[in-house]
Amino acid sequence: MANTFDWIEIRTNNMEATAAFYESLFGWKTTDRETADGSDVWIFDTGSEPRIQNLRRGGIWLRPEGERLGFVVYVLVDDIEATLEQVKRLGGEVVGLRIPVGAGHAAYFADPSGNLVALYEERKPG
């Protein structure tokens, strides 16, 4: 099927450190592989069922002043505040505190390589 999201790639200058960051932060498993063209790549596996319905659609938003342009990947977490604390401990930088978004809350951080990542926490019932 053409014209659909197929792959998420994290750009970095230090593959080992970036793999360790995401392994520690989210519990993702990473494996060092060589691609068919001989490139080195670390494959990450979240170990959970993807929310495929959310990869079928997206949004186009005006960039808030001071934020960088580009795609933003949202990672579903149980507790944004605890995850942001872990981001700081692991060398990442919190760049946007918890805000209401849709049916939950979002926050933003930059990983140690400077990649912008969003966290999303679904609103708890009650």
PDB file of N, CA and C in Angstrom:
ATOM      1  N   MET A   1       0.848  -1.172   0.000  1.00  0.00           N
ATOM      2  CA  MET A   1       0.000   0.000   0.000  1.00  0.00           C
ATOM      3  C   MET A   1       0.896   1.238   0.000  1.00  0.00           C
ATOM      4  N   ALA A   2       0.763   2.055  -0.993  1.00  0.00           N
ATOM      5  CA  ALA A   2       1.591   3.253  -1.122  1.00  0.00           C
ATOM      6  C   ALA A   2       0.985   4.423  -0.352  1.00  0.00           C
ATOM      7  N   ASN A   3       1.793   5.426  -0.127  1.00  0.00           N
ATOM      8  CA  ASN A   3       1.378   6.687   0.489  1.00  0.00           C
ATOM      9  C   ASN A   3       0.883   6.536   1.920  1.00  0.00           C
ATOM     10  N   THR A   4       1.526   5.659   2.680  1.00  0.00           N
ATOM     11  CA  THR A   4       1.192   5.485   4.082  1.00  0.00           C
ATOM     12  C   THR A   4       2.476   5.490   4.900  1.00  0.00           C
ATOM     13  N   PHE A   5       2.381   5.769   6.196  1.00  0.00           N
ATOM     14  CA  PHE A   5       3.569   5.741   7.042  1.00  0.00           C
ATOM     15  C   PHE A   5       4.115   4.322   7.099  1.00  0.00           C
ATOM     16  N   ASP A   6       5.424   4.198   6.996  1.00  0.00           N
ATOM     17  CA  ASP A   6       6.046   2.886   6.904  1.00  0.00           C
ATOM     18  C   ASP A   6       7.157   2.674   7.921  1.00  0.00           C
ATOM     19  N   TRP A   7       7.780   3.732   8.418  1.00  0.00           N
ATOM     20  CA  TRP A   7       9.008   3.577   9.176  1.00  0.00           C
ATOM     21  C   TRP A   7       9.238   4.805  10.037  1.00  0.00           C
ATOM     22  N   ILE A   8       9.786   4.629  11.207  1.00  0.00           N
ATOM     23  CA  ILE A   8      10.190   5.753  12.052  1.00  0.00           C
ATOM     24  C   ILE A   8      11.691   5.657  12.226  1.00  0.00           C
ATOM     25  N   GLU A   9      12.387   6.749  11.992  1.00  0.00           N
ATOM     26  CA  GLU A   9      13.847   6.749  12.055  1.00  0.00           C
ATOM     27  C   GLU A   9      14.314   7.849  12.996  1.00  0.00           C
ATOM     28  N   ILE A  10      15.246   7.513  13.862  1.00  0.00           N
ATOM     29  CA  ILE A  10      15.820   8.484  14.792  1.00  0.00           C
ATOM     30  C   ILE A  10      17.229   8.806  14.303  1.00  0.00           C
ATOM     31  N   ARG A  11      17.472  10.048  13.935  1.00  0.00           N
ATOM     32  CA  ARG A  11      18.794  10.464  13.454  1.00  0.00           C
ATOM     33  C   ARG A  11      19.687  10.821  14.635  1.00  0.00           C
ATOM     34  N   THR A  12      20.964  10.439  14.569  1.00  0.00           N
ATOM     35  CA  THR A  12      21.874  10.664  15.686  1.00  0.00           C
ATOM     36  C   THR A  12      23.319  10.692  15.215  1.00  0.00           C
ATOM     37  N   ASN A  13      24.188  11.231  16.047  1.00  0.00           N
ATOM     38  CA  ASN A  13      25.632  11.170  15.805  1.00  0.00           C
ATOM     39  C   ASN A  13      26.281  10.066  16.626  1.00  0.00           C
ATOM     40  N   ASN A  14      25.523   9.443  17.535  1.00  0.00           N
ATOM     41  CA  ASN A  14      26.065   8.394  18.400  1.00  0.00           C
ATOM     42  C   ASN A  14      25.002   7.314  18.574  1.00  0.00           C
ATOM     43  N   MET A  15      25.093   6.273  17.761  1.00  0.00           N
ATOM     44  CA  MET A  15      24.060   5.241  17.745  1.00  0.00           C
ATOM     45  C   MET A  15      23.971   4.484  19.065  1.00  0.00           C
ATOM     46  N   GLU A  16      25.111   4.153  19.656  1.00  0.00           N
ATOM     47  CA  GLU A  16      25.100   3.390  20.907  1.00  0.00           C
ATOM     48  C   GLU A  16      24.445   4.186  22.035  1.00  0.00           C
ATOM     49  N   ALA A  17      24.818   5.461  22.166  1.00  0.00           N
ATOM     50  CA  ALA A  17      24.256   6.301  23.228  1.00  0.00           C
ATOM     51  C   ALA A  17      22.759   6.521  23.019  1.00  0.00           C
ATOM     52  N   THR A  18      22.345   6.718  21.776  1.00  0.00           N
ATOM     53  CA  THR A  18      20.927   6.925  21.493  1.00  0.00           C
ATOM     54  C   THR A  18      20.133   5.660  21.772  1.00  0.00           C
ATOM     55  N   ALA A  19      20.667   4.509  21.382  1.00  0.00           N
ATOM     56  CA  ALA A  19      19.998   3.235  21.685  1.00  0.00           C
ATOM     57  C   ALA A  19      19.859   3.058  23.190  1.00  0.00           C
ATOM     58  N   ALA A  20      20.907   3.351  23.935  1.00  0.00           N
ATOM     59  CA  ALA A  20      20.872   3.209  25.397  1.00  0.00           C
ATOM     60  C   ALA A  20      19.848   4.160  26.014  1.00  0.00           C
ATOM     61  N   PHE A  21      19.752   5.389  25.488  1.00  0.00           N
ATOM     62  CA  PHE A  21      18.781   6.365  25.994  1.00  0.00           C
ATOM     63  C   PHE A  21      17.356   5.822  25.870  1.00  0.00           C
ATOM     64  N   TYR A  22      16.978   5.363  24.676  1.00  0.00           N
ATOM     65  CA  TYR A  22      15.612   4.889  24.463  1.00  0.00           C
ATOM     66  C   TYR A  22      15.345   3.547  25.145  1.00  0.00           C
ATOM     67  N   GLU A  23      16.357   2.705  25.250  1.00  0.00           N
ATOM     68  CA  GLU A  23      16.196   1.459  26.015  1.00  0.00           C
ATOM     69  C   GLU A  23      15.883   1.778  27.473  1.00  0.00           C
ATOM     70  N   SER A  24      16.621   2.722  28.048  1.00  0.00           N
ATOM     71  CA  SER A  24      16.419   3.085  29.453  1.00  0.00           C
ATOM     72  C   SER A  24      15.115   3.844  29.670  1.00  0.00           C
ATOM     73  N   LEU A  25      14.765   4.727  28.748  1.00  0.00           N
ATOM     74  CA  LEU A  25      13.578   5.563  28.913  1.00  0.00           C
ATOM     75  C   LEU A  25      12.282   4.782  28.721  1.00  0.00           C
ATOM     76  N   PHE A  26      12.183   4.034  27.634  1.00  0.00           N
ATOM     77  CA  PHE A  26      10.932   3.368  27.281  1.00  0.00           C
ATOM     78  C   PHE A  26      10.976   1.843  27.388  1.00  0.00           C
ATOM     79  N   GLY A  27      12.157   1.271  27.642  1.00  0.00           N
ATOM     80  CA  GLY A  27      12.262  -0.181  27.694  1.00  0.00           C
ATOM     81  C   GLY A  27      12.295  -0.826  26.317  1.00  0.00           C
ATOM     82  N   TRP A  28      12.562  -0.021  25.276  1.00  0.00           N
ATOM     83  CA  TRP A  28      12.642  -0.569  23.928  1.00  0.00           C
ATOM     84  C   TRP A  28      13.863  -1.462  23.814  1.00  0.00           C
ATOM     85  N   LYS A  29      13.767  -2.480  22.986  1.00  0.00           N
ATOM     86  CA  LYS A  29      14.902  -3.361  22.705  1.00  0.00           C
ATOM     87  C   LYS A  29      15.542  -2.900  21.397  1.00  0.00           C
ATOM     88  N   THR A  30      16.865  -2.828  21.370  1.00  0.00           N
ATOM     89  CA  THR A  30      17.550  -2.434  20.137  1.00  0.00           C
ATOM     90  C   THR A  30      18.523  -3.522  19.716  1.00  0.00           C
ATOM     91  N   THR A  31      18.682  -3.656  18.415  1.00  0.00           N
ATOM     92  CA  THR A  31      19.576  -4.653  17.839  1.00  0.00           C
ATOM     93  C   THR A  31      20.400  -3.987  16.752  1.00  0.00           C
ATOM     94  N   ASP A  32      21.712  -4.143  16.802  1.00  0.00           N
ATOM     95  CA  ASP A  32      22.609  -3.599  15.781  1.00  0.00           C
ATOM     96  C   ASP A  32      22.534  -4.506  14.557  1.00  0.00           C
ATOM     97  N   ARG A  33      22.227  -3.927  13.413  1.00  0.00           N
ATOM     98  CA  ARG A  33      22.098  -4.698  12.178  1.00  0.00           C
ATOM     99  C   ARG A  33      22.849  -4.004  11.048  1.00  0.00           C
ATOM    100  N   GLU A  34      23.105  -4.765  10.006  1.00  0.00           N
ATOM    101  CA  GLU A  34      23.654  -4.198   8.777  1.00  0.00           C
ATOM    102  C   GLU A  34      22.578  -4.320   7.712  1.00  0.00           C
ATOM    103  N   THR A  35      22.322  -3.240   6.977  1.00  0.00           N
ATOM    104  CA  THR A  35      21.294  -3.261   5.940  1.00  0.00           C
ATOM    105  C   THR A  35      21.832  -3.915   4.676  1.00  0.00           C
ATOM    106  N   ALA A  36      20.950  -4.128   3.711  1.00  0.00           N
ATOM    107  CA  ALA A  36      21.330  -4.760   2.448  1.00  0.00           C
ATOM    108  C   ALA A  36      22.414  -3.971   1.725  1.00  0.00           C
ATOM    109  N   ASP A  37      22.441  -2.646   1.910  1.00  0.00           N
ATOM    110  CA  ASP A  37      23.463  -1.837   1.236  1.00  0.00           C
ATOM    111  C   ASP A  37      24.719  -1.652   2.084  1.00  0.00           C
ATOM    112  N   GLY A  38      24.787  -2.344   3.234  1.00  0.00           N
ATOM    113  CA  GLY A  38      25.980  -2.292   4.072  1.00  0.00           C
ATOM    114  C   GLY A  38      25.969  -1.207   5.131  1.00  0.00           C
ATOM    115  N   SER A  39      24.889  -0.434   5.207  1.00  0.00           N
ATOM    116  CA  SER A  39      24.796   0.605   6.233  1.00  0.00           C
ATOM    117  C   SER A  39      24.565  -0.025   7.599  1.00  0.00           C
ATOM    118  N   ASP A  40      25.043   0.648   8.630  1.00  0.00           N
ATOM    119  CA  ASP A  40      24.818   0.199   9.999  1.00  0.00           C
ATOM    120  C   ASP A  40      23.536   0.843  10.506  1.00  0.00           C
ATOM    121  N   VAL A  41      22.672   0.067  11.131  1.00  0.00           N
ATOM    122  CA  VAL A  41      21.418   0.586  11.677  1.00  0.00           C
ATOM    123  C   VAL A  41      21.109  -0.156  12.971  1.00  0.00           C
ATOM    124  N   TRP A  42      20.564   0.550  13.921  1.00  0.00           N
ATOM    125  CA  TRP A  42      20.080  -0.081  15.149  1.00  0.00           C
ATOM    126  C   TRP A  42      18.562  -0.133  15.027  1.00  0.00           C
ATOM    127  N   ILE A  43      18.012  -1.336  14.990  1.00  0.00           N
ATOM    128  CA  ILE A  43      16.570  -1.529  14.898  1.00  0.00           C
ATOM    129  C   ILE A  43      15.998  -1.484  16.306  1.00  0.00           C
ATOM    130  N   PHE A  44      14.946  -0.687  16.525  1.00  0.00           N
ATOM    131  CA  PHE A  44      14.312  -0.695  17.843  1.00  0.00           C
ATOM    132  C   PHE A  44      12.938  -1.338  17.751  1.00  0.00           C
ATOM    133  N   ASP A  45      12.566  -2.018  18.827  1.00  0.00           N
ATOM    134  CA  ASP A  45      11.284  -2.701  18.932  1.00  0.00           C
ATOM    135  C   ASP A  45      10.646  -2.257  20.238  1.00  0.00           C
ATOM    136  N   THR A  46       9.460  -1.671  20.157  1.00  0.00           N
ATOM    137  CA  THR A  46       8.794  -1.181  21.360  1.00  0.00           C
ATOM    138  C   THR A  46       8.251  -2.311  22.221  1.00  0.00           C
ATOM    139  N   GLY A  47       8.102  -3.499  21.639  1.00  0.00           N
ATOM    140  CA  GLY A  47       7.608  -4.638  22.399  1.00  0.00           C
ATOM    141  C   GLY A  47       6.126  -4.579  22.693  1.00  0.00           C
ATOM    142  N   SER A  48       5.427  -3.630  22.079  1.00  0.00           N
ATOM    143  CA  SER A  48       3.989  -3.525  22.330  1.00  0.00           C
ATOM    144  C   SER A  48       3.238  -3.436  21.007  1.00  0.00           C
ATOM    145  N   GLU A  49       1.958  -3.635  21.092  1.00  0.00           N
ATOM    146  CA  GLU A  49       1.109  -3.586  19.907  1.00  0.00           C
ATOM    147  C   GLU A  49       0.981  -2.142  19.421  1.00  0.00           C
ATOM    148  N   PRO A  50       1.248  -1.873  18.141  1.00  0.00           N
ATOM    149  CA  PRO A  50       1.142  -0.496  17.652  1.00  0.00           C
ATOM    150  C   PRO A  50      -0.312  -0.040  17.566  1.00  0.00           C
ATOM    151  N   ARG A  51      -0.481   1.248  17.718  1.00  0.00           N
ATOM    152  CA  ARG A  51      -1.812   1.845  17.557  1.00  0.00           C
ATOM    153  C   ARG A  51      -1.959   2.233  16.091  1.00  0.00           C
ATOM    154  N   ILE A  52      -2.150   1.221  15.248  1.00  0.00           N
ATOM    155  CA  ILE A  52      -2.152   1.395  13.797  1.00  0.00           C
ATOM    156  C   ILE A  52      -3.134   2.470  13.341  1.00  0.00           C
ATOM    157  N   GLN A  53      -4.297   2.544  13.964  1.00  0.00           N
ATOM    158  CA  GLN A  53      -5.280   3.529  13.519  1.00  0.00           C
ATOM    159  C   GLN A  53      -4.706   4.937  13.566  1.00  0.00           C
ATOM    160  N   ASN A  54      -3.789   5.206  14.491  1.00  0.00           N
ATOM    161  CA  ASN A  54      -3.204   6.544  14.576  1.00  0.00           C
ATOM    162  C   ASN A  54      -2.140   6.778  13.516  1.00  0.00           C
ATOM    163  N   LEU A  55      -1.635   5.729  12.885  1.00  0.00           N
ATOM    164  CA  LEU A  55      -0.667   5.916  11.807  1.00  0.00           C
ATOM    165  C   LEU A  55      -1.361   6.121  10.464  1.00  0.00           C
ATOM    166  N   ARG A  56      -2.667   6.014  10.440  1.00  0.00           N
ATOM    167  CA  ARG A  56      -3.421   6.240   9.214  1.00  0.00           C
ATOM    168  C   ARG A  56      -3.745   7.710   9.017  1.00  0.00           C
ATOM    169  N   ARG A  57      -3.542   8.493  10.055  1.00  0.00           N
ATOM    170  CA  ARG A  57      -3.874   9.911   9.961  1.00  0.00           C
ATOM    171  C   ARG A  57      -2.856  10.719  10.746  1.00  0.00           C
ATOM    172  N   GLY A  58      -2.881  11.999  10.571  1.00  0.00           N
ATOM    173  CA  GLY A  58      -1.976  12.889  11.286  1.00  0.00           C
ATOM    174  C   GLY A  58      -2.556  14.288  11.262  1.00  0.00           C
ATOM    175  N   GLY A  59      -1.756  15.256  11.617  1.00  0.00           N
ATOM    176  CA  GLY A  59      -2.238  16.630  11.625  1.00  0.00           C
ATOM    177  C   GLY A  59      -1.166  17.580  11.129  1.00  0.00           C
ATOM    178  N   ILE A  60      -1.593  18.689  10.603  1.00  0.00           N
ATOM    179  CA  ILE A  60      -0.680  19.755  10.185  1.00  0.00           C
ATOM    180  C   ILE A  60      -0.986  20.950  11.076  1.00  0.00           C
ATOM    181  N   TRP A  61       0.016  21.384  11.830  1.00  0.00           N
ATOM    182  CA  TRP A  61      -0.164  22.440  12.823  1.00  0.00           C
ATOM    183  C   TRP A  61       0.789  23.590  12.544  1.00  0.00           C
ATOM    184  N   LEU A  62       0.385  24.794  12.940  1.00  0.00           N
ATOM    185  CA  LEU A  62       1.313  25.918  12.894  1.00  0.00           C
ATOM    186  C   LEU A  62       2.381  25.716  13.955  1.00  0.00           C
ATOM    187  N   ARG A  63       3.609  25.994  13.603  1.00  0.00           N
ATOM    188  CA  ARG A  63       4.727  25.838  14.530  1.00  0.00           C
ATOM    189  C   ARG A  63       4.639  26.910  15.600  1.00  0.00           C
ATOM    190  N   PRO A  64       4.597  26.506  16.884  1.00  0.00           N
ATOM    191  CA  PRO A  64       4.660  27.513  17.946  1.00  0.00           C
ATOM    192  C   PRO A  64       5.996  28.255  17.879  1.00  0.00           C
ATOM    193  N   GLU A  65       5.963  29.542  18.155  1.00  0.00           N
ATOM    194  CA  GLU A  65       7.176  30.346  18.092  1.00  0.00           C
ATOM    195  C   GLU A  65       8.270  29.728  18.955  1.00  0.00           C
ATOM    196  N   GLY A  66       9.457  29.626  18.396  1.00  0.00           N
ATOM    197  CA  GLY A  66      10.599  29.084  19.125  1.00  0.00           C
ATOM    198  C   GLY A  66      10.790  27.589  18.950  1.00  0.00           C
ATOM    199  N   GLU A  67       9.804  26.880  18.408  1.00  0.00           N
ATOM    200  CA  GLU A  67       9.964  25.440  18.188  1.00  0.00           C
ATOM    201  C   GLU A  67      10.513  25.193  16.795  1.00  0.00           C
ATOM    202  N   ARG A  68      11.185  24.064  16.648  1.00  0.00           N
ATOM    203  CA  ARG A  68      11.755  23.732  15.339  1.00  0.00           C
ATOM    204  C   ARG A  68      10.702  23.111  14.429  1.00  0.00           C
ATOM    205  N   LEU A  69      10.941  23.186  13.140  1.00  0.00           N
ATOM    206  CA  LEU A  69      10.046  22.591  12.154  1.00  0.00           C
ATOM    207  C   LEU A  69      10.339  21.106  12.013  1.00  0.00           C
ATOM    208  N   GLY A  70       9.383  20.355  11.520  1.00  0.00           N
ATOM    209  CA  GLY A  70       9.606  18.943  11.233  1.00  0.00           C
ATOM    210  C   GLY A  70       8.461  18.079  11.734  1.00  0.00           C
ATOM    211  N   PHE A  71       8.617  16.777  11.527  1.00  0.00           N
ATOM    212  CA  PHE A  71       7.643  15.802  12.004  1.00  0.00           C
ATOM    213  C   PHE A  71       7.869  15.572  13.491  1.00  0.00           C
ATOM    214  N   VAL A  72       6.797  15.296  14.210  1.00  0.00           N
ATOM    215  CA  VAL A  72       6.896  14.974  15.630  1.00  0.00           C
ATOM    216  C   VAL A  72       6.262  13.602  15.842  1.00  0.00           C
ATOM    217  N   VAL A  73       6.994  12.703  16.466  1.00  0.00           N
ATOM    218  CA  VAL A  73       6.491  11.375  16.801  1.00  0.00           C
ATOM    219  C   VAL A  73       6.012  11.409  18.246  1.00  0.00           C
ATOM    220  N   TYR A  74       4.813  10.901  18.483  1.00  0.00           N
ATOM    221  CA  TYR A  74       4.245  10.838  19.831  1.00  0.00           C
ATOM    222  C   TYR A  74       4.394   9.419  20.370  1.00  0.00           C
ATOM    223  N   VAL A  75       4.891   9.304  21.600  1.00  0.00           N
ATOM    224  CA  VAL A  75       5.023   8.012  22.269  1.00  0.00           C
ATOM    225  C   VAL A  75       4.016   7.980  23.412  1.00  0.00           C
ATOM    226  N   LEU A  76       3.162   6.959  23.419  1.00  0.00           N
ATOM    227  CA  LEU A  76       2.149   6.798  24.460  1.00  0.00           C
ATOM    228  C   LEU A  76       2.818   6.328  25.746  1.00  0.00           C
ATOM    229  N   VAL A  77       2.583   7.040  26.846  1.00  0.00           N
ATOM    230  CA  VAL A  77       3.151   6.679  28.152  1.00  0.00           C
ATOM    231  C   VAL A  77       2.040   6.669  29.197  1.00  0.00           C
ATOM    232  N   ASP A  78       2.295   6.002  30.325  1.00  0.00           N
ATOM    233  CA  ASP A  78       1.324   5.964  31.422  1.00  0.00           C
ATOM    234  C   ASP A  78       1.381   7.218  32.285  1.00  0.00           C
ATOM    235  N   ASP A  79       2.582   7.811  32.424  1.00  0.00           N
ATOM    236  CA  ASP A  79       2.772   8.933  33.346  1.00  0.00           C
ATOM    237  C   ASP A  79       3.769   9.923  32.748  1.00  0.00           C
ATOM    238  N   ILE A  80       3.266  11.021  32.213  1.00  0.00           N
ATOM    239  CA  ILE A  80       4.132  12.016  31.567  1.00  0.00           C
ATOM    240  C   ILE A  80       5.152  12.583  32.540  1.00  0.00           C
ATOM    241  N   GLU A  81       4.718  12.966  33.734  1.00  0.00           N
ATOM    242  CA  GLU A  81       5.635  13.607  34.688  1.00  0.00           C
ATOM    243  C   GLU A  81       6.794  12.680  35.046  1.00  0.00           C
ATOM    244  N   ALA A  82       6.507  11.419  35.319  1.00  0.00           N
ATOM    245  CA  ALA A  82       7.567  10.462  35.654  1.00  0.00           C
ATOM    246  C   ALA A  82       8.499  10.254  34.464  1.00  0.00           C
ATOM    247  N   THR A  83       7.936  10.220  33.260  1.00  0.00           N
ATOM    248  CA  THR A  83       8.760  10.038  32.060  1.00  0.00           C
ATOM    249  C   THR A  83       9.652  11.248  31.828  1.00  0.00           C
ATOM    250  N   LEU A  84       9.138  12.467  32.046  1.00  0.00           N
ATOM    251  CA  LEU A  84       9.963  13.666  31.886  1.00  0.00           C
ATOM    252  C   LEU A  84      11.115  13.689  32.891  1.00  0.00           C
ATOM    253  N   GLU A  85      10.869  13.247  34.105  1.00  0.00           N
ATOM    254  CA  GLU A  85      11.949  13.162  35.100  1.00  0.00           C
ATOM    255  C   GLU A  85      13.025  12.194  34.627  1.00  0.00           C
ATOM    256  N   GLN A  86      12.604  11.073  34.058  1.00  0.00           N
ATOM    257  CA  GLN A  86      13.564  10.096  33.549  1.00  0.00           C
ATOM    258  C   GLN A  86      14.324  10.659  32.351  1.00  0.00           C
ATOM    259  N   VAL A  87      13.642  11.417  31.490  1.00  0.00           N
ATOM    260  CA  VAL A  87      14.309  12.074  30.358  1.00  0.00           C
ATOM    261  C   VAL A  87      15.476  12.913  30.867  1.00  0.00           C
ATOM    262  N   LYS A  88      15.227  13.722  31.899  1.00  0.00           N
ATOM    263  CA  LYS A  88      16.279  14.591  32.454  1.00  0.00           C
ATOM    264  C   LYS A  88      17.425  13.773  33.041  1.00  0.00           C
ATOM    265  N   ARG A  89      17.096  12.715  33.776  1.00  0.00           N
ATOM    266  CA  ARG A  89      18.141  11.866  34.372  1.00  0.00           C
ATOM    267  C   ARG A  89      19.021  11.209  33.312  1.00  0.00           C
ATOM    268  N   LEU A  90      18.433  10.910  32.145  1.00  0.00           N
ATOM    269  CA  LEU A  90      19.161  10.222  31.081  1.00  0.00           C
ATOM    270  C   LEU A  90      19.881  11.171  30.128  1.00  0.00           C
ATOM    271  N   GLY A  91      19.801  12.485  30.374  1.00  0.00           N
ATOM    272  CA  GLY A  91      20.532  13.441  29.552  1.00  0.00           C
ATOM    273  C   GLY A  91      19.715  14.127  28.483  1.00  0.00           C
ATOM    274  N   GLY A  92      18.406  13.902  28.455  1.00  0.00           N
ATOM    275  CA  GLY A  92      17.537  14.612  27.526  1.00  0.00           C
ATOM    276  C   GLY A  92      17.132  15.953  28.115  1.00  0.00           C
ATOM    277  N   GLU A  93      16.411  16.745  27.332  1.00  0.00           N
ATOM    278  CA  GLU A  93      15.995  18.077  27.773  1.00  0.00           C
ATOM    279  C   GLU A  93      14.486  18.234  27.588  1.00  0.00           C
ATOM    280  N   VAL A  94      13.794  18.614  28.633  1.00  0.00           N
ATOM    281  CA  VAL A  94      12.361  18.889  28.543  1.00  0.00           C
ATOM    282  C   VAL A  94      12.199  20.222  27.821  1.00  0.00           C
ATOM    283  N   VAL A  95      11.429  20.229  26.726  1.00  0.00           N
ATOM    284  CA  VAL A  95      11.253  21.463  25.953  1.00  0.00           C
ATOM    285  C   VAL A  95       9.804  21.935  25.936  1.00  0.00           C
ATOM    286  N   GLY A  96       8.908  21.176  26.520  1.00  0.00           N
ATOM    287  CA  GLY A  96       7.507  21.575  26.602  1.00  0.00           C
ATOM    288  C   GLY A  96       6.820  20.799  27.703  1.00  0.00           C
ATOM    289  N   LEU A  97       6.315  21.515  28.706  1.00  0.00           N
ATOM    290  CA  LEU A  97       5.674  20.863  29.842  1.00  0.00           C
ATOM    291  C   LEU A  97       4.299  20.319  29.468  1.00  0.00           C
ATOM    292  N   ARG A  98       3.737  19.533  30.343  1.00  0.00           N
ATOM    293  CA  ARG A  98       2.458  18.849  30.143  1.00  0.00           C
ATOM    294  C   ARG A  98       1.346  19.851  29.837  1.00  0.00           C
ATOM    295  N   ILE A  99       0.650  19.608  28.702  1.00  0.00           N
ATOM    296  CA  ILE A  99      -0.467  20.457  28.296  1.00  0.00           C
ATOM    297  C   ILE A  99      -1.636  19.571  27.873  1.00  0.00           C
ATOM    298  N   PRO A 100      -2.884  20.054  28.014  1.00  0.00           N
ATOM    299  CA  PRO A 100      -4.021  19.275  27.532  1.00  0.00           C
ATOM    300  C   PRO A 100      -4.023  19.227  26.006  1.00  0.00           C
ATOM    301  N   VAL A 101      -4.235  18.036  25.460  1.00  0.00           N
ATOM    302  CA  VAL A 101      -4.302  17.840  24.012  1.00  0.00           C
ATOM    303  C   VAL A 101      -5.343  16.757  23.749  1.00  0.00           C
ATOM    304  N   GLY A 102      -6.363  17.078  22.979  1.00  0.00           N
ATOM    305  CA  GLY A 102      -7.369  16.072  22.636  1.00  0.00           C
ATOM    306  C   GLY A 102      -7.937  15.387  23.869  1.00  0.00           C
ATOM    307  N   ALA A 103      -7.865  14.066  23.880  1.00  0.00           N
ATOM    308  CA  ALA A 103      -8.416  13.263  24.978  1.00  0.00           C
ATOM    309  C   ALA A 103      -7.353  12.918  26.009  1.00  0.00           C
ATOM    310  N   GLY A 104      -6.338  13.764  26.121  1.00  0.00           N
ATOM    311  CA  GLY A 104      -5.274  13.480  27.079  1.00  0.00           C
ATOM    312  C   GLY A 104      -4.361  14.667  27.274  1.00  0.00           C
ATOM    313  N   HIS A 105      -3.088  14.370  27.496  1.00  0.00           N
ATOM    314  CA  HIS A 105      -2.075  15.404  27.708  1.00  0.00           C
ATOM    315  C   HIS A 105      -0.823  15.053  26.911  1.00  0.00           C
ATOM    316  N   ALA A 106      -0.068  16.076  26.544  1.00  0.00           N
ATOM    317  CA  ALA A 106       1.185  15.885  25.816  1.00  0.00           C
ATOM    318  C   ALA A 106       2.282  16.706  26.479  1.00  0.00           C
ATOM    319  N   ALA A 107       3.514  16.307  26.237  1.00  0.00           N
ATOM    320  CA  ALA A 107       4.703  17.053  26.653  1.00  0.00           C
ATOM    321  C   ALA A 107       5.789  16.733  25.638  1.00  0.00           C
ATOM    322  N   TYR A 108       6.813  17.577  25.581  1.00  0.00           N
ATOM    323  CA  TYR A 108       7.839  17.430  24.552  1.00  0.00           C
ATOM    324  C   TYR A 108       9.223  17.423  25.176  1.00  0.00           C
ATOM    325  N   PHE A 109      10.115  16.620  24.576  1.00  0.00           N
ATOM    326  CA  PHE A 109      11.505  16.620  25.016  1.00  0.00           C
ATOM    327  C   PHE A 109      12.416  16.470  23.813  1.00  0.00           C
ATOM    328  N   ALA A 110      13.680  16.842  24.009  1.00  0.00           N
ATOM    329  CA  ALA A 110      14.721  16.600  23.011  1.00  0.00           C
ATOM    330  C   ALA A 110      15.617  15.508  23.573  1.00  0.00           C
ATOM    331  N   ASP A 111      15.902  14.494  22.752  1.00  0.00           N
ATOM    332  CA  ASP A 111      16.818  13.450  23.207  1.00  0.00           C
ATOM    333  C   ASP A 111      18.240  14.008  23.200  1.00  0.00           C
ATOM    334  N   PRO A 112      19.234  13.273  23.697  1.00  0.00           N
ATOM    335  CA  PRO A 112      20.597  13.814  23.749  1.00  0.00           C
ATOM    336  C   PRO A 112      21.170  14.216  22.390  1.00  0.00           C
ATOM    337  N   SER A 113      20.601  13.703  21.282  1.00  0.00           N
ATOM    338  CA  SER A 113      21.046  14.105  19.945  1.00  0.00           C
ATOM    339  C   SER A 113      20.296  15.324  19.433  1.00  0.00           C
ATOM    340  N   GLY A 114      19.290  15.792  20.188  1.00  0.00           N
ATOM    341  CA  GLY A 114      18.532  16.970  19.793  1.00  0.00           C
ATOM    342  C   GLY A 114      17.231  16.679  19.070  1.00  0.00           C
ATOM    343  N   ASN A 115      16.860  15.398  18.905  1.00  0.00           N
ATOM    344  CA  ASN A 115      15.608  15.046  18.239  1.00  0.00           C
ATOM    345  C   ASN A 115      14.417  15.388  19.127  1.00  0.00           C
ATOM    346  N   LEU A 116      13.413  16.048  18.549  1.00  0.00           N
ATOM    347  CA  LEU A 116      12.205  16.391  19.277  1.00  0.00           C
ATOM    348  C   LEU A 116      11.273  15.187  19.303  1.00  0.00           C
ATOM    349  N   VAL A 117      10.792  14.828  20.494  1.00  0.00           N
ATOM    350  CA  VAL A 117       9.872  13.707  20.681  1.00  0.00           C
ATOM    351  C   VAL A 117       8.739  14.186  21.576  1.00  0.00           C
ATOM    352  N   ALA A 118       7.526  13.740  21.279  1.00  0.00           N
ATOM    353  CA  ALA A 118       6.372  14.079  22.112  1.00  0.00           C
ATOM    354  C   ALA A 118       5.958  12.865  22.930  1.00  0.00           C
ATOM    355  N   LEU A 119       5.497  13.133  24.130  1.00  0.00           N
ATOM    356  CA  LEU A 119       4.903  12.103  24.975  1.00  0.00           C
ATOM    357  C   LEU A 119       3.404  12.356  25.001  1.00  0.00           C
ATOM    358  N   TYR A 120       2.622  11.296  25.015  1.00  0.00           N
ATOM    359  CA  TYR A 120       1.169  11.439  25.099  1.00  0.00           C
ATOM    360  C   TYR A 120       0.644  10.528  26.194  1.00  0.00           C
ATOM    361  N   GLU A 121      -0.186  11.090  27.052  1.00  0.00           N
ATOM    362  CA  GLU A 121      -0.815  10.350  28.149  1.00  0.00           C
ATOM    363  C   GLU A 121      -2.319  10.491  27.992  1.00  0.00           C
ATOM    364  N   GLU A 122      -3.011   9.359  27.894  1.00  0.00           N
ATOM    365  CA  GLU A 122      -4.463   9.413  27.774  1.00  0.00           C
ATOM    366  C   GLU A 122      -5.074   9.898  29.082  1.00  0.00           C
ATOM    367  N   ARG A 123      -6.162  10.646  28.970  1.00  0.00           N
ATOM    368  CA  ARG A 123      -6.846  11.153  30.152  1.00  0.00           C
ATOM    369  C   ARG A 123      -7.388   9.979  30.950  1.00  0.00           C
ATOM    370  N   LYS A 124      -7.155  10.013  32.242  1.00  0.00           N
ATOM    371  CA  LYS A 124      -7.615   8.948  33.130  1.00  0.00           C
ATOM    372  C   LYS A 124      -9.098   9.168  33.449  1.00  0.00           C
ATOM    373  N   PRO A 125      -9.901   8.092  33.456  1.00  0.00           N
ATOM    374  CA  PRO A 125     -11.323   8.253  33.777  1.00  0.00           C
ATOM    375  C   PRO A 125     -11.516   8.768  35.201  1.00  0.00           C
ATOM    376  N   GLY A 126     -12.547   9.569  35.377  1.00  0.00           N
ATOM    377  CA  GLY A 126     -12.891  10.027  36.723  1.00  0.00           C
ATOM    378  C   GLY A 126     -12.578  11.396  37.004  1.00  0.00           C
TER     379      GLY A 126
END
